[in-house]
Amino acid sequence: MSTSRAVTWEGFFNTRDLGGLPTGSGGTTGRGAFYRAADLRFVTGAGWAQAREAGVRTVIDLRNADEIRPAGAPLTAQAGSAQFAAAPDGPTSPAAVDRLEVPLDDIDDVAFWQHVNRERLNGTPLYYPVFLRRKAGRCAAVVKAIAHTGPGGVLFHCGAGRDRTGLITLLLLALAGVEPRAIAADYALSAEALKPLYAAMGTADQQPVIQAALAARGTTAEEAVMATLDGFDVEQYLLDAGVTGEELHSVRGRLVRISPR
């Protein structure tokens, strides 16, 4: 897959446009509608100006509250899922960009996350099927929030911009009819794109540990994403979880572009 969708705005990491991906109907997803990204703490004023110039008007933060602002007893760490400590000054974004916090994890369910980590599922798409089964309401809440954002591009992110962000990306792209192999390839791009963020954070690259966990189960990240999508009816899933048909239509309409005949 081409990396031409990668975004290089100043201070943004693991950021790319969800546009330009092939759909089963022969079209491609439209550019500028949705962007996926990692932690935004390094974004500069120039970077935000670049995002605004590209049309971004809403940022949706998928992280838990204790990842966004320092907390005395962070549940994310207790659950074994902490990636990056909260930035000391909390989140920052320009007044010209709306910012929503829609935590995906349901981190209050510590037992669930401890199980996910004991089974070495976290940090890989291996946890997607169990999360989709157990936390449909959390997925629906994010999609509903996206459906009700104002005009302009929507950028959503978590910590690394790989797993939570990857799951919402999977739902959006599947809803738009993007080919499963292209969805899996998009997920895989994060492995290389995250290296500069780990360096900036002063932490080790997680990829060798993640690859070992996948290899132990005889699979790869791409294969795990494909397995998640196999037989998955995203529209029915979201409807059952409480997303309305009108909301689905709104989200799909922002991303789908039909190629001219």
Foldseek 3Di string as FASTA:
>chain_A
DDPVQDDDQFQWFLKGWQWDFAFPVGFTWDTFAEMFTADRPRHDPRSLVVNVVSWAAEEEEQEDPQQQEPDDDDLCVVLVNDDAGHDHVGDDHDPRHHYHYQHQPVSVPSVVSVVCVVLVNPPALSCVVVCLVPRLLSLLSVLLVSLPDDDTHYYYYYHLSQHVVLSNSLLLCVLLRGDLLRSLVSNVVSLVRSPVVCVVRVHDRCVVVSQVSQVVVPHDRSVSSSVSVVVDDSVVSSVVSPHDPSSSCSSNVSIHDGDDD
